[in-house]
Amino acid sequence: MSDFKEYKVVHVTEGGCGTILLGSSGLPLKRIESVLNEEASNGWQLVFQVLEQKRFWLFWTREAAILTLGRR
């Protein structure tokens, strides 16, 4: 694996309204895709990604994608 000179971390979460109204709305794939396309046009590459579930308010959980990008 090549070394990168710069790294950037992007945090993308599902919407709060969908979580409250539907219980879970899933990750916004179109938003993740647009973020990745925008960053790729600036020379960033996806290096690593993690999916996490966090507590949202009292009763709900919310998914998030943490994307690590690298640039040479």
PDB file of N, CA and C in Angstrom:
ATOM      1  N   MET A   1       0.839  -1.180   0.000  1.00  0.00           N
ATOM      2  CA  MET A   1       0.000   0.000   0.000  1.00  0.00           C
ATOM      3  C   MET A   1       0.880   1.239   0.000  1.00  0.00           C
ATOM      4  N   SER A   2       0.541   2.180  -0.828  1.00  0.00           N
ATOM      5  CA  SER A   2       1.327   3.407  -0.934  1.00  0.00           C
ATOM      6  C   SER A   2       1.071   4.321   0.254  1.00  0.00           C
ATOM      7  N   ASP A   3       2.087   5.083   0.589  1.00  0.00           N
ATOM      8  CA  ASP A   3       1.921   6.066   1.652  1.00  0.00           C
ATOM      9  C   ASP A   3       1.306   7.334   1.081  1.00  0.00           C
ATOM     10  N   PHE A   4       0.475   7.940   1.858  1.00  0.00           N
ATOM     11  CA  PHE A   4      -0.152   9.188   1.462  1.00  0.00           C
ATOM     12  C   PHE A   4       0.487  10.321   2.244  1.00  0.00           C
ATOM     13  N   LYS A   5       0.536  11.506   1.649  1.00  0.00           N
ATOM     14  CA  LYS A   5       1.118  12.663   2.324  1.00  0.00           C
ATOM     15  C   LYS A   5       0.096  13.362   3.212  1.00  0.00           C
ATOM     16  N   GLU A   6      -1.160  13.276   2.835  1.00  0.00           N
ATOM     17  CA  GLU A   6      -2.236  13.916   3.606  1.00  0.00           C
ATOM     18  C   GLU A   6      -3.366  12.926   3.826  1.00  0.00           C
ATOM     19  N   TYR A   7      -4.044  13.085   4.936  1.00  0.00           N
ATOM     20  CA  TYR A   7      -5.234  12.291   5.235  1.00  0.00           C
ATOM     21  C   TYR A   7      -6.359  13.236   5.629  1.00  0.00           C
ATOM     22  N   LYS A   8      -7.575  12.786   5.382  1.00  0.00           N
ATOM     23  CA  LYS A   8      -8.758  13.575   5.713  1.00  0.00           C
ATOM     24  C   LYS A   8      -9.837  12.602   6.168  1.00  0.00           C
ATOM     25  N   VAL A   9     -10.564  12.950   7.210  1.00  0.00           N
ATOM     26  CA  VAL A   9     -11.632  12.102   7.727  1.00  0.00           C
ATOM     27  C   VAL A   9     -12.967  12.822   7.512  1.00  0.00           C
ATOM     28  N   VAL A  10     -13.914  12.091   6.928  1.00  0.00           N
ATOM     29  CA  VAL A  10     -15.247  12.627   6.656  1.00  0.00           C
ATOM     30  C   VAL A  10     -16.255  11.770   7.406  1.00  0.00           C
ATOM     31  N   HIS A  11     -17.192  12.415   8.086  1.00  0.00           N
ATOM     32  CA  HIS A  11     -18.203  11.737   8.891  1.00  0.00           C
ATOM     33  C   HIS A  11     -19.566  11.992   8.248  1.00  0.00           C
ATOM     34  N   VAL A  12     -20.231  10.921   7.777  1.00  0.00           N
ATOM     35  CA  VAL A  12     -21.540  11.038   7.133  1.00  0.00           C
ATOM     36  C   VAL A  12     -22.541  10.244   7.960  1.00  0.00           C
ATOM     37  N   THR A  13     -23.605  10.914   8.427  1.00  0.00           N
ATOM     38  CA  THR A  13     -24.605  10.245   9.269  1.00  0.00           C
ATOM     39  C   THR A  13     -25.957  10.209   8.574  1.00  0.00           C
ATOM     40  N   GLU A  14     -26.798   9.286   9.018  1.00  0.00           N
ATOM     41  CA  GLU A  14     -28.168   9.251   8.510  1.00  0.00           C
ATOM     42  C   GLU A  14     -28.953  10.401   9.129  1.00  0.00           C
ATOM     43  N   GLY A  15     -30.042  10.759   8.509  1.00  0.00           N
ATOM     44  CA  GLY A  15     -30.839  11.886   8.963  1.00  0.00           C
ATOM     45  C   GLY A  15     -31.536  11.644  10.292  1.00  0.00           C
ATOM     46  N   GLY A  16     -31.644  12.682  11.097  1.00  0.00           N
ATOM     47  CA  GLY A  16     -32.284  12.576  12.400  1.00  0.00           C
ATOM     48  C   GLY A  16     -33.793  12.413  12.313  1.00  0.00           C
ATOM     49  N   CYS A  17     -34.421  13.080  11.344  1.00  0.00           N
ATOM     50  CA  CYS A  17     -35.884  12.980  11.206  1.00  0.00           C
ATOM     51  C   CYS A  17     -36.302  11.563  10.830  1.00  0.00           C
ATOM     52  N   GLY A  18     -35.581  10.956   9.905  1.00  0.00           N
ATOM     53  CA  GLY A  18     -35.899   9.579   9.522  1.00  0.00           C
ATOM     54  C   GLY A  18     -35.704   8.609  10.663  1.00  0.00           C
ATOM     55  N   THR A  19     -34.708   8.878  11.483  1.00  0.00           N
ATOM     56  CA  THR A  19     -34.454   8.021  12.639  1.00  0.00           C
ATOM     57  C   THR A  19     -35.604   8.116  13.631  1.00  0.00           C
ATOM     58  N   ILE A  20     -36.078   9.320  13.892  1.00  0.00           N
ATOM     59  CA  ILE A  20     -37.155   9.512  14.865  1.00  0.00           C
ATOM     60  C   ILE A  20     -38.483   8.982  14.317  1.00  0.00           C
ATOM     61  N   LEU A  21     -38.812   9.322  13.070  1.00  0.00           N
ATOM     62  CA  LEU A  21     -40.111   8.950  12.512  1.00  0.00           C
ATOM     63  C   LEU A  21     -40.197   7.486  12.111  1.00  0.00           C
ATOM     64  N   LEU A  22     -39.113   6.937  11.577  1.00  0.00           N
ATOM     65  CA  LEU A  22     -39.156   5.570  11.054  1.00  0.00           C
ATOM     66  C   LEU A  22     -38.425   4.561  11.937  1.00  0.00           C
ATOM     67  N   GLY A  23     -37.707   5.035  12.936  1.00  0.00           N
ATOM     68  CA  GLY A  23     -36.938   4.134  13.784  1.00  0.00           C
ATOM     69  C   GLY A  23     -35.536   3.925  13.259  1.00  0.00           C
ATOM     70  N   SER A  24     -35.386   3.927  11.957  1.00  0.00           N
ATOM     71  CA  SER A  24     -34.086   3.819  11.307  1.00  0.00           C
ATOM     72  C   SER A  24     -34.292   4.107   9.833  1.00  0.00           C
ATOM     73  N   SER A  25     -33.468   4.963   9.269  1.00  0.00           N
ATOM     74  CA  SER A  25     -33.650   5.301   7.864  1.00  0.00           C
ATOM     75  C   SER A  25     -32.491   4.848   6.989  1.00  0.00           C
ATOM     76  N   GLY A  26     -31.421   4.336   7.566  1.00  0.00           N
ATOM     77  CA  GLY A  26     -30.280   3.861   6.786  1.00  0.00           C
ATOM     78  C   GLY A  26     -29.362   4.986   6.373  1.00  0.00           C
ATOM     79  N   LEU A  27     -28.203   4.607   5.921  1.00  0.00           N
ATOM     80  CA  LEU A  27     -27.220   5.595   5.494  1.00  0.00           C
ATOM     81  C   LEU A  27     -27.661   6.246   4.181  1.00  0.00           C
ATOM     82  N   PRO A  28     -27.391   7.532   4.025  1.00  0.00           N
ATOM     83  CA  PRO A  28     -27.750   8.228   2.783  1.00  0.00           C
ATOM     84  C   PRO A  28     -26.719   7.923   1.688  1.00  0.00           C
ATOM     85  N   LEU A  29     -26.969   6.883   0.904  1.00  0.00           N
ATOM     86  CA  LEU A  29     -25.987   6.431  -0.084  1.00  0.00           C
ATOM     87  C   LEU A  29     -25.700   7.482  -1.148  1.00  0.00           C
ATOM     88  N   LYS A  30     -26.701   8.212  -1.570  1.00  0.00           N
ATOM     89  CA  LYS A  30     -26.481   9.276  -2.572  1.00  0.00           C
ATOM     90  C   LYS A  30     -25.574  10.367  -2.007  1.00  0.00           C
ATOM     91  N   ARG A  31     -25.743  10.688  -0.730  1.00  0.00           N
ATOM     92  CA  ARG A  31     -24.892  11.710  -0.099  1.00  0.00           C
ATOM     93  C   ARG A  31     -23.449  11.215   0.006  1.00  0.00           C
ATOM     94  N   ILE A  32     -23.269   9.934   0.388  1.00  0.00           N
ATOM     95  CA  ILE A  32     -21.923   9.371   0.473  1.00  0.00           C
ATOM     96  C   ILE A  32     -21.283   9.376  -0.913  1.00  0.00           C
ATOM     97  N   GLU A  33     -22.056   8.998  -1.917  1.00  0.00           N
ATOM     98  CA  GLU A  33     -21.549   8.974  -3.286  1.00  0.00           C
ATOM     99  C   GLU A  33     -21.137  10.363  -3.755  1.00  0.00           C
ATOM    100  N   SER A  34     -21.952  11.364  -3.462  1.00  0.00           N
ATOM    101  CA  SER A  34     -21.616  12.730  -3.891  1.00  0.00           C
ATOM    102  C   SER A  34     -20.391  13.263  -3.151  1.00  0.00           C
ATOM    103  N   VAL A  35     -20.264  12.931  -1.861  1.00  0.00           N
ATOM    104  CA  VAL A  35     -19.076  13.347  -1.097  1.00  0.00           C
ATOM    105  C   VAL A  35     -17.820  12.706  -1.674  1.00  0.00           C
ATOM    106  N   LEU A  36     -17.885  11.409  -1.955  1.00  0.00           N
ATOM    107  CA  LEU A  36     -16.729  10.714  -2.517  1.00  0.00           C
ATOM    108  C   LEU A  36     -16.372  11.248  -3.897  1.00  0.00           C
ATOM    109  N   ASN A  37     -17.362  11.506  -4.741  1.00  0.00           N
ATOM    110  CA  ASN A  37     -17.090  12.058  -6.074  1.00  0.00           C
ATOM    111  C   ASN A  37     -16.479  13.453  -5.996  1.00  0.00           C
ATOM    112  N   GLU A  38     -16.982  14.271  -5.092  1.00  0.00           N
ATOM    113  CA  GLU A  38     -16.443  15.625  -4.923  1.00  0.00           C
ATOM    114  C   GLU A  38     -14.994  15.585  -4.438  1.00  0.00           C
ATOM    115  N   GLU A  39     -14.720  14.731  -3.461  1.00  0.00           N
ATOM    116  CA  GLU A  39     -13.365  14.630  -2.932  1.00  0.00           C
ATOM    117  C   GLU A  39     -12.412  14.007  -3.955  1.00  0.00           C
ATOM    118  N   ALA A  40     -12.902  13.043  -4.751  1.00  0.00           N
ATOM    119  CA  ALA A  40     -12.064  12.422  -5.781  1.00  0.00           C
ATOM    120  C   ALA A  40     -11.665  13.433  -6.847  1.00  0.00           C
ATOM    121  N   SER A  41     -12.549  14.380  -7.136  1.00  0.00           N
ATOM    122  CA  SER A  41     -12.205  15.412  -8.124  1.00  0.00           C
ATOM    123  C   SER A  41     -11.110  16.336  -7.606  1.00  0.00           C
ATOM    124  N   ASN A  42     -10.916  16.372  -6.283  1.00  0.00           N
ATOM    125  CA  ASN A  42      -9.839  17.167  -5.676  1.00  0.00           C
ATOM    126  C   ASN A  42      -8.599  16.334  -5.386  1.00  0.00           C
ATOM    127  N   GLY A  43      -8.565  15.090  -5.873  1.00  0.00           N
ATOM    128  CA  GLY A  43      -7.375  14.256  -5.736  1.00  0.00           C
ATOM    129  C   GLY A  43      -7.363  13.318  -4.547  1.00  0.00           C
ATOM    130  N   TRP A  44      -8.463  13.213  -3.802  1.00  0.00           N
ATOM    131  CA  TRP A  44      -8.519  12.337  -2.628  1.00  0.00           C
ATOM    132  C   TRP A  44      -8.948  10.935  -3.041  1.00  0.00           C
ATOM    133  N   GLN A  45      -8.441   9.921  -2.348  1.00  0.00           N
ATOM    134  CA  GLN A  45      -8.818   8.526  -2.568  1.00  0.00           C
ATOM    135  C   GLN A  45      -9.336   7.938  -1.264  1.00  0.00           C
ATOM    136  N   LEU A  46     -10.304   7.056  -1.364  1.00  0.00           N
ATOM    137  CA  LEU A  46     -10.807   6.371  -0.176  1.00  0.00           C
ATOM    138  C   LEU A  46      -9.770   5.356   0.278  1.00  0.00           C
ATOM    139  N   VAL A  47      -9.345   5.472   1.544  1.00  0.00           N
ATOM    140  CA  VAL A  47      -8.332   4.579   2.104  1.00  0.00           C
ATOM    141  C   VAL A  47      -8.978   3.550   3.027  1.00  0.00           C
ATOM    142  N   PHE A  48      -9.936   3.993   3.841  1.00  0.00           N
ATOM    143  CA  PHE A  48     -10.519   3.128   4.854  1.00  0.00           C
ATOM    144  C   PHE A  48     -11.899   3.661   5.214  1.00  0.00           C
ATOM    145  N   GLN A  49     -12.806   2.763   5.560  1.00  0.00           N
ATOM    146  CA  GLN A  49     -14.121   3.211   6.018  1.00  0.00           C
ATOM    147  C   GLN A  49     -14.589   2.344   7.176  1.00  0.00           C
ATOM    148  N   VAL A  50     -15.342   2.961   8.066  1.00  0.00           N
ATOM    149  CA  VAL A  50     -15.901   2.275   9.233  1.00  0.00           C
ATOM    150  C   VAL A  50     -17.366   2.664   9.336  1.00  0.00           C
ATOM    151  N   LEU A  51     -18.219   1.694   9.605  1.00  0.00           N
ATOM    152  CA  LEU A  51     -19.621   1.970   9.881  1.00  0.00           C
ATOM    153  C   LEU A  51     -19.839   1.845  11.377  1.00  0.00           C
ATOM    154  N   GLU A  52     -20.516   2.824  11.951  1.00  0.00           N
ATOM    155  CA  GLU A  52     -20.751   2.799  13.393  1.00  0.00           C
ATOM    156  C   GLU A  52     -22.214   3.064  13.684  1.00  0.00           C
ATOM    157  N   GLN A  53     -22.636   2.641  14.856  1.00  0.00           N
ATOM    158  CA  GLN A  53     -23.977   2.949  15.346  1.00  0.00           C
ATOM    159  C   GLN A  53     -23.828   3.700  16.653  1.00  0.00           C
ATOM    160  N   LYS A  54     -24.451   4.862  16.714  1.00  0.00           N
ATOM    161  CA  LYS A  54     -24.391   5.701  17.913  1.00  0.00           C
ATOM    162  C   LYS A  54     -25.790   5.855  18.484  1.00  0.00           C
ATOM    163  N   ARG A  55     -25.841   6.063  19.759  1.00  0.00           N
ATOM    164  CA  ARG A  55     -27.128   6.348  20.404  1.00  0.00           C
ATOM    165  C   ARG A  55     -27.577   7.737  19.976  1.00  0.00           C
ATOM    166  N   PHE A  56     -28.851   7.846  19.640  1.00  0.00           N
ATOM    167  CA  PHE A  56     -29.441   9.117  19.216  1.00  0.00           C
ATOM    168  C   PHE A  56     -30.579   9.433  20.166  1.00  0.00           C
ATOM    169  N   TRP A  57     -30.437  10.479  20.902  1.00  0.00           N
ATOM    170  CA  TRP A  57     -31.338  10.859  21.968  1.00  0.00           C
ATOM    171  C   TRP A  57     -31.461   9.716  22.950  1.00  0.00           C
ATOM    172  N   LEU A  58     -32.656   9.283  23.284  1.00  0.00           N
ATOM    173  CA  LEU A  58     -32.794   8.285  24.333  1.00  0.00           C
ATOM    174  C   LEU A  58     -33.077   6.885  23.801  1.00  0.00           C
ATOM    175  N   PHE A  59     -33.953   6.775  22.816  1.00  0.00           N
ATOM    176  CA  PHE A  59     -34.444   5.468  22.407  1.00  0.00           C
ATOM    177  C   PHE A  59     -33.880   4.953  21.081  1.00  0.00           C
ATOM    178  N   TRP A  60     -33.310   5.816  20.260  1.00  0.00           N
ATOM    179  CA  TRP A  60     -32.939   5.446  18.904  1.00  0.00           C
ATOM    180  C   TRP A  60     -31.429   5.284  18.759  1.00  0.00           C
ATOM    181  N   THR A  61     -31.061   4.548  17.722  1.00  0.00           N
ATOM    182  CA  THR A  61     -29.660   4.493  17.319  1.00  0.00           C
ATOM    183  C   THR A  61     -29.570   5.022  15.891  1.00  0.00           C
ATOM    184  N   ARG A  62     -28.409   5.545  15.574  1.00  0.00           N
ATOM    185  CA  ARG A  62     -28.202   6.209  14.291  1.00  0.00           C
ATOM    186  C   ARG A  62     -26.915   5.692  13.668  1.00  0.00           C
ATOM    187  N   GLU A  63     -26.946   5.322  12.395  1.00  0.00           N
ATOM    188  CA  GLU A  63     -25.766   4.835  11.710  1.00  0.00           C
ATOM    189  C   GLU A  63     -24.956   5.993  11.142  1.00  0.00           C
ATOM    190  N   ALA A  64     -23.662   5.772  11.065  1.00  0.00           N
ATOM    191  CA  ALA A  64     -22.764   6.760  10.469  1.00  0.00           C
ATOM    192  C   ALA A  64     -21.647   6.041   9.746  1.00  0.00           C
ATOM    193  N   ALA A  65     -21.138   6.664   8.711  1.00  0.00           N
ATOM    194  CA  ALA A  65     -19.966   6.146   7.994  1.00  0.00           C
ATOM    195  C   ALA A  65     -18.831   7.126   8.217  1.00  0.00           C
ATOM    196  N   ILE A  66     -17.693   6.599   8.655  1.00  0.00           N
ATOM    197  CA  ILE A  66     -16.506   7.413   8.820  1.00  0.00           C
ATOM    198  C   ILE A  66     -15.559   7.019   7.686  1.00  0.00           C
ATOM    199  N   LEU A  67     -15.301   7.966   6.800  1.00  0.00           N
ATOM    200  CA  LEU A  67     -14.492   7.731   5.606  1.00  0.00           C
ATOM    201  C   LEU A  67     -13.128   8.378   5.794  1.00  0.00           C
ATOM    202  N   THR A  68     -12.074   7.609   5.622  1.00  0.00           N
ATOM    203  CA  THR A  68     -10.715   8.146   5.672  1.00  0.00           C
ATOM    204  C   THR A  68     -10.217   8.245   4.245  1.00  0.00           C
ATOM    205  N   LEU A  69      -9.832   9.459   3.868  1.00  0.00           N
ATOM    206  CA  LEU A  69      -9.359   9.726   2.515  1.00  0.00           C
ATOM    207  C   LEU A  69      -7.876  10.051   2.555  1.00  0.00           C
ATOM    208  N   GLY A  70      -7.173   9.715   1.507  1.00  0.00           N
ATOM    209  CA  GLY A  70      -5.743  10.009   1.429  1.00  0.00           C
ATOM    210  C   GLY A  70      -5.403  10.670   0.105  1.00  0.00           C
ATOM    211  N   ARG A  71      -4.365  11.503   0.138  1.00  0.00           N
ATOM    212  CA  ARG A  71      -3.915  12.186  -1.079  1.00  0.00           C
ATOM    213  C   ARG A  71      -2.395  12.158  -1.121  1.00  0.00           C
ATOM    214  N   ARG A  72      -1.857  11.858  -2.270  1.00  0.00           N
ATOM    215  CA  ARG A  72      -0.403  11.786  -2.438  1.00  0.00           C
ATOM    216  C   ARG A  72       0.181  13.134  -2.755  1.00  0.00           C
TER     217      ARG A  72
END
